[in-house]
Amino acid sequence: MNRKKILGLTSWCVLGVAMALSYQNCSDPDYGAKGSGSVVVSRALCEGEMLEAFRASYYPFLKDACKNCHVPGGVGKGTFAHQTDIASAFAAFKNATTMKIENNAQSSGHASPFTGTQNTPQIQAASKIWSEAQEICGSDVGGSFDPQGLTTSKAIAATATYRTITWNLDTEMSKGGGDLGQAAFSIQVKQVTSAGMPPVYYFDNLTVSTGTEKIQLGEIRIKINGQLVQTNSTYSRLSVEVDKAKTGVVISSATAILDVPVGTGDTVEIGFGKLSKIASP
């Protein structure tokens, strides 16, 4: 499962979709050195591959069925049916989420006669292509996850505006930590509800503050109500180092949109595939 294979998959899929269709999420991580501090980052490499998967899966359907509304100047929210700029369409598609796209495409109440159950075969075909591409691109997503560090569980208590949840990586850990010089990790979360759709969680703006130790962390995954969110790989390839005595270092401003049931008592934990201090030379 490598980059050559995914390009081969999408090349094959273009032909398959042309016949079948007559697709946060590998969201753009926007990893970089932001805020105060020295950050060394390995950027996720799958964005280009997922753009090609979008071209081969959902885009042909969206471009045809949604061209009257979901284009620049149209009345629809999101320009994922952009007729000439697939990059803009892809960005809008990621913001809309596959769950919303699929539900609206198959709902006769959304924009009949262009939407409805007659679209189910096309959507199922697109979903299969997209899921296979996600598996190849983020092969570290899914299956078992044995984190080096895992935070304690905290209430999400999300509203329509972002709230910040913070953990002390020494004292608020159920696994790992304890020797990180009072480092802290924060993430923002809000609840988003679109018309006719169930609410979803948006997680964003990952920040780290350090104390007496330089630390490294990465391969970040989210657990909701004790269950690993298998369908989201937004932060799974993140790898950073943060110098000691730094405050509010933004390690990712990517938005992870979680297609999970939302409840009033939901809790969140953060797992780290990598979490350790870096010894001074």
Protein backbone atom coordinates (compact mmCIF):
# COMPACT_ATOMS: atom_id res chain seq x y z
CA MET A 1 0.00 0.00 0.00
CA ASN A 2 2.10 2.89 -1.28
CA ARG A 3 1.76 6.01 -3.37
CA LYS A 4 2.23 4.13 -6.65
CA LYS A 5 -0.59 1.78 -5.72
CA ILE A 6 -3.01 4.59 -4.92
CA LEU A 7 -2.23 6.30 -8.21
CA GLY A 8 -2.85 2.99 -9.94
CA LEU A 9 -6.11 2.59 -8.05
CA THR A 10 -7.37 6.02 -9.02
CA SER A 11 -6.35 5.51 -12.65
CA TRP A 12 -8.40 2.31 -12.71
CA CYS A 13 -11.22 4.03 -10.88
CA VAL A 14 -11.52 6.77 -13.49
CA LEU A 15 -12.56 4.12 -15.98
CA GLY A 16 -14.82 2.40 -13.48
CA VAL A 17 -16.61 5.56 -12.48
CA ALA A 18 -17.07 6.63 -16.08
CA MET A 19 -19.13 3.48 -16.50
CA ALA A 20 -20.76 3.40 -13.07
CA LEU A 21 -21.62 7.06 -12.69
CA SER A 22 -23.10 7.80 -16.65
CA TYR A 23 -16.28 11.02 -3.17
CA GLN A 24 -11.80 15.50 8.58
CA ASN A 25 -10.95 12.80 5.94
CA CYS A 26 -7.83 13.22 4.89
CA SER A 27 -8.00 16.94 5.48
CA ASP A 28 -5.29 19.36 4.63
CA PRO A 29 -3.25 19.28 7.82
CA ASP A 30 -1.69 22.74 7.33
CA TYR A 31 1.16 21.59 9.51
CA GLY A 32 3.84 24.18 10.14
CA ALA A 33 5.78 26.19 12.65
CA LYS A 34 3.19 28.57 14.06
CA GLY A 35 3.04 30.40 17.35
CA SER A 36 6.05 30.76 19.62
CA GLY A 37 8.51 27.91 19.53
CA SER A 38 10.58 25.67 17.35
CA VAL A 39 8.52 22.99 15.64
CA VAL A 40 9.84 20.26 13.36
CA VAL A 41 7.04 18.64 11.39
CA SER A 42 6.48 15.79 8.93
CA ARG A 43 3.59 16.94 6.72
CA ALA A 44 0.98 14.38 5.79
CA LEU A 45 1.62 13.20 2.25
CA CYS A 46 -1.78 11.97 1.17
CA GLU A 47 -3.49 15.20 0.08
CA GLY A 48 -2.57 14.80 -3.59
CA GLU A 49 -3.62 11.16 -3.64
CA MET A 50 -6.98 11.97 -2.08
CA LEU A 51 -7.56 14.74 -4.62
CA GLU A 52 -7.14 12.11 -7.33
CA ALA A 53 -9.50 9.80 -5.45
CA PHE A 54 -12.06 12.61 -5.35
CA ARG A 55 -11.62 13.11 -9.10
CA ALA A 56 -12.33 9.43 -9.62
CA SER A 57 -15.22 9.01 -7.20
CA TYR A 58 -17.63 11.73 -6.06
CA TYR A 59 -16.59 14.56 -8.37
CA PRO A 60 -18.13 13.23 -11.62
CA PHE A 61 -21.49 12.84 -9.86
CA LEU A 62 -21.34 16.19 -8.06
CA LYS A 63 -20.24 18.05 -11.16
CA ASP A 64 -23.29 16.79 -13.05
CA ALA A 65 -26.04 16.51 -10.43
CA CYS A 66 -25.20 19.61 -8.36
CA LYS A 67 -24.13 22.05 -11.08
CA ASN A 68 -27.23 24.24 -10.74
CA CYS A 69 -26.62 25.18 -7.09
CA HIS A 70 -23.20 24.18 -5.72
CA VAL A 71 -21.01 26.33 -7.96
CA PRO A 72 -19.61 29.86 -7.56
CA GLY A 73 -22.57 32.24 -7.47
CA GLY A 74 -25.04 29.41 -6.92
CA VAL A 75 -27.58 29.24 -4.12
CA GLY A 76 -26.13 26.06 -2.60
CA LYS A 77 -23.74 26.07 0.33
CA GLY A 78 -20.33 24.87 -0.84
CA THR A 79 -18.89 24.88 -4.35
CA PHE A 80 -18.07 21.16 -4.53
CA ALA A 81 -19.62 21.01 -8.03
CA HIS A 82 -17.21 23.65 -9.41
CA GLN A 83 -17.10 22.98 -13.14
CA THR A 84 -13.51 24.02 -13.89
CA ASP A 85 -11.53 24.10 -10.63
CA ILE A 86 -11.32 20.66 -9.04
CA ALA A 87 -9.08 21.91 -6.23
CA SER A 88 -11.79 24.35 -5.11
CA ALA A 89 -14.39 21.62 -5.46
CA PHE A 90 -12.26 19.26 -3.37
CA ALA A 91 -11.81 21.84 -0.60
CA ALA A 92 -15.57 22.43 -0.46
CA PHE A 93 -16.21 18.68 -0.52
CA LYS A 94 -14.01 18.14 2.54
CA ASN A 95 -15.81 20.89 4.44
CA ALA A 96 -19.20 19.39 3.58
CA THR A 97 -18.15 15.85 4.71
CA THR A 98 -18.93 12.63 2.87
CA MET A 99 -21.81 11.86 5.23
CA LYS A 100 -23.65 15.05 4.31
CA ILE A 101 -22.90 14.67 0.60
CA GLU A 102 -24.19 11.11 0.54
CA ASN A 103 -27.31 11.82 2.58
CA ASN A 104 -28.32 14.83 0.47
CA ALA A 105 -27.58 13.06 -2.80
CA GLN A 106 -30.01 10.30 -1.88
CA SER A 107 -32.71 12.53 -0.35
CA SER A 108 -35.63 13.42 -2.61
CA GLY A 109 -36.38 16.30 -0.26
CA HIS A 110 -33.06 18.01 -0.91
CA ALA A 111 -33.18 18.99 -4.58
CA SER A 112 -35.52 16.70 -6.50
CA PRO A 113 -35.36 15.55 -9.28
CA PHE A 114 -31.55 15.80 -9.12
CA THR A 115 -31.36 14.09 -5.72
CA GLY A 116 -33.11 10.96 -4.53
CA THR A 117 -32.76 7.21 -4.15
CA GLN A 118 -32.06 6.88 -7.86
CA ASN A 119 -28.56 8.11 -7.01
CA THR A 120 -27.85 5.33 -4.51
CA PRO A 121 -25.87 3.09 -6.93
CA GLN A 122 -23.65 5.99 -7.99
CA ILE A 123 -23.06 7.09 -4.41
CA GLN A 124 -22.27 3.57 -3.27
CA ALA A 125 -19.75 3.20 -6.10
CA ALA A 126 -18.13 6.53 -5.22
CA SER A 127 -18.05 5.67 -1.52
CA LYS A 128 -16.27 2.38 -2.22
CA ILE A 129 -13.58 4.11 -4.26
CA TRP A 130 -13.11 6.82 -1.66
CA SER A 131 -12.91 4.33 1.24
CA GLU A 132 -10.32 2.21 -0.58
CA ALA A 133 -8.24 5.30 -1.27
CA GLN A 134 -8.44 6.36 2.38
CA GLU A 135 -7.27 2.91 3.45
CA ILE A 136 -4.30 3.04 1.10
CA CYS A 137 -3.38 6.64 1.85
CA GLY A 138 -3.72 6.34 5.61
CA SER A 139 -2.70 2.74 6.14
CA ASP A 140 -1.89 3.67 9.72
CA VAL A 141 -5.60 4.39 10.28
CA GLY A 142 -7.97 1.67 11.41
CA GLY A 143 -7.26 -1.62 13.09
CA SER A 144 -5.61 -1.60 16.47
CA PHE A 145 -3.95 1.48 17.94
CA ASP A 146 -1.57 1.06 20.86
CA PRO A 147 -0.65 4.62 21.85
CA GLN A 148 2.53 5.57 23.63
CA GLY A 149 0.46 8.14 25.50
CA LEU A 150 -3.27 8.46 26.21
CA THR A 151 -4.97 11.32 28.02
CA THR A 152 -7.64 10.93 30.63
CA SER A 153 -11.25 11.25 29.53
CA LYS A 154 -12.83 14.71 29.57
CA ALA A 155 -16.33 15.96 28.79
CA ILE A 156 -16.70 17.42 25.29
CA ALA A 157 -19.60 19.73 26.21
CA ALA A 158 -19.46 21.30 22.76
CA THR A 159 -21.60 24.23 21.62
CA ALA A 160 -21.80 26.13 18.34
CA THR A 161 -18.63 28.05 19.22
CA TYR A 162 -15.20 26.56 19.81
CA ARG A 163 -14.19 25.64 23.34
CA THR A 164 -10.72 24.55 24.39
CA ILE A 165 -9.96 21.30 26.20
CA THR A 166 -6.53 21.03 27.82
CA TRP A 167 -4.59 18.17 29.38
CA ASN A 168 -1.46 18.26 31.51
CA LEU A 169 0.71 15.61 29.84
CA ASP A 170 2.21 14.60 33.19
CA THR A 171 -0.78 14.52 35.53
CA GLU A 172 -3.80 13.95 33.26
CA MET A 173 -2.72 10.80 31.46
CA SER A 174 -4.11 7.28 31.66
CA LYS A 175 -1.05 5.99 29.84
CA GLY A 176 2.42 7.45 29.33
CA GLY A 177 3.56 10.95 30.25
CA GLY A 178 4.79 11.71 33.75
CA ASP A 179 8.24 12.96 32.78
CA LEU A 180 7.44 15.70 30.25
CA GLY A 181 8.23 18.73 32.42
CA GLN A 182 4.59 19.80 32.89
CA ALA A 183 3.88 20.05 29.18
CA ALA A 184 0.25 20.65 28.18
CA PHE A 185 -1.77 19.74 25.09
CA SER A 186 -4.93 21.57 23.96
CA ILE A 187 -7.51 21.04 21.24
CA GLN A 188 -10.59 23.07 20.31
CA VAL A 189 -13.99 21.53 19.60
CA LYS A 190 -17.41 22.74 18.52
CA GLN A 191 -20.68 21.16 17.44
CA VAL A 192 -21.94 21.94 13.93
CA THR A 193 -25.48 21.28 12.75
CA SER A 194 -26.56 21.73 9.14
CA ALA A 195 -30.18 21.89 8.01
CA GLY A 196 -31.68 18.44 7.83
CA MET A 197 -28.48 16.78 9.04
CA PRO A 198 -27.40 15.30 12.38
CA PRO A 199 -24.80 17.32 14.33
CA VAL A 200 -21.09 16.56 13.98
CA TYR A 201 -17.99 17.51 15.94
CA TYR A 202 -15.30 19.80 14.55
CA PHE A 203 -11.90 19.49 16.25
CA ASP A 204 -9.29 22.11 15.45
CA ASN A 205 -6.26 24.14 16.53
CA LEU A 206 -3.94 21.69 18.30
CA THR A 207 -1.51 23.53 20.58
CA VAL A 208 1.31 22.54 22.92
CA SER A 209 2.92 24.39 25.80
CA THR A 210 6.11 23.07 27.38
CA GLY A 211 7.88 23.51 30.69
CA THR A 212 11.27 22.16 31.63
CA GLU A 213 11.57 19.55 28.86
CA LYS A 214 11.77 19.52 25.08
CA ILE A 215 9.22 16.98 23.85
CA GLN A 216 8.16 15.10 20.74
CA LEU A 217 4.65 13.98 19.96
CA GLY A 218 2.68 12.79 16.99
CA GLU A 219 0.47 10.17 15.33
CA ILE A 220 -2.47 11.74 17.14
CA ARG A 221 -5.82 9.96 17.23
CA ILE A 222 -9.14 10.87 18.85
CA LYS A 223 -11.34 8.66 21.02
CA ILE A 224 -14.99 9.50 21.60
CA ASN A 225 -16.68 7.76 24.54
CA GLY A 226 -13.69 5.44 24.80
CA GLN A 227 -13.88 4.34 21.17
CA LEU A 228 -11.22 5.15 18.62
CA VAL A 229 -12.62 7.13 15.68
CA GLN A 230 -11.42 4.81 12.92
CA THR A 231 -12.66 6.95 10.03
CA ASN A 232 -10.54 10.04 10.70
CA SER A 233 -6.83 10.34 9.94
CA THR A 234 -6.41 14.11 10.07
CA TYR A 235 -3.61 14.08 12.64
CA SER A 236 -2.38 10.50 12.31
CA ARG A 237 0.79 11.44 10.40
CA LEU A 238 1.65 14.49 12.43
CA SER A 239 5.09 14.41 14.06
CA VAL A 240 6.47 17.41 15.95
CA GLU A 241 9.18 18.49 18.35
CA VAL A 242 8.58 21.44 20.66
CA ASP A 243 11.40 23.14 22.57
CA LYS A 244 11.16 23.58 26.30
CA ALA A 245 9.63 26.69 27.86
CA LYS A 246 7.31 27.47 24.94
CA THR A 247 3.70 28.64 25.17
CA GLY A 248 0.81 28.04 22.81
CA VAL A 249 2.69 26.46 19.92
CA VAL A 250 0.16 25.58 17.21
CA ILE A 251 1.13 22.18 15.83
CA SER A 252 -1.87 21.87 13.49
CA SER A 253 -4.70 24.14 12.41
CA ALA A 254 -6.39 21.39 10.40
CA THR A 255 -10.04 20.67 11.11
CA ALA A 256 -11.00 17.09 11.91
CA ILE A 257 -14.70 16.56 11.18
CA LEU A 258 -15.93 13.47 12.99
CA ASP A 259 -18.95 11.67 11.57
CA VAL A 260 -19.99 10.12 14.88
CA PRO A 261 -23.25 10.28 16.85
CA VAL A 262 -23.33 13.37 19.08
CA GLY A 263 -24.66 13.12 22.63
CA THR A 264 -24.87 15.42 25.64
CA GLY A 265 -22.61 13.24 27.78
CA ASP A 266 -19.89 12.56 25.20
CA THR A 267 -16.28 12.35 26.32
CA VAL A 268 -12.97 12.66 24.47
CA GLU A 269 -9.50 11.22 24.92
CA ILE A 270 -6.40 11.94 22.85
CA GLY A 271 -4.00 9.16 21.92
CA PHE A 272 -0.40 9.76 20.89
CA GLY A 273 1.48 7.18 18.86
CA LYS A 274 4.57 9.18 19.80
CA LEU A 275 4.98 10.97 23.13
CA SER A 276 8.30 11.42 24.93
CA LYS A 277 10.81 13.94 26.12
CA ILE A 278 13.93 14.64 24.09
CA ALA A 279 17.12 14.40 26.08
CA SER A 280 19.40 17.43 26.00
CA PRO A 281 22.61 16.85 24.00
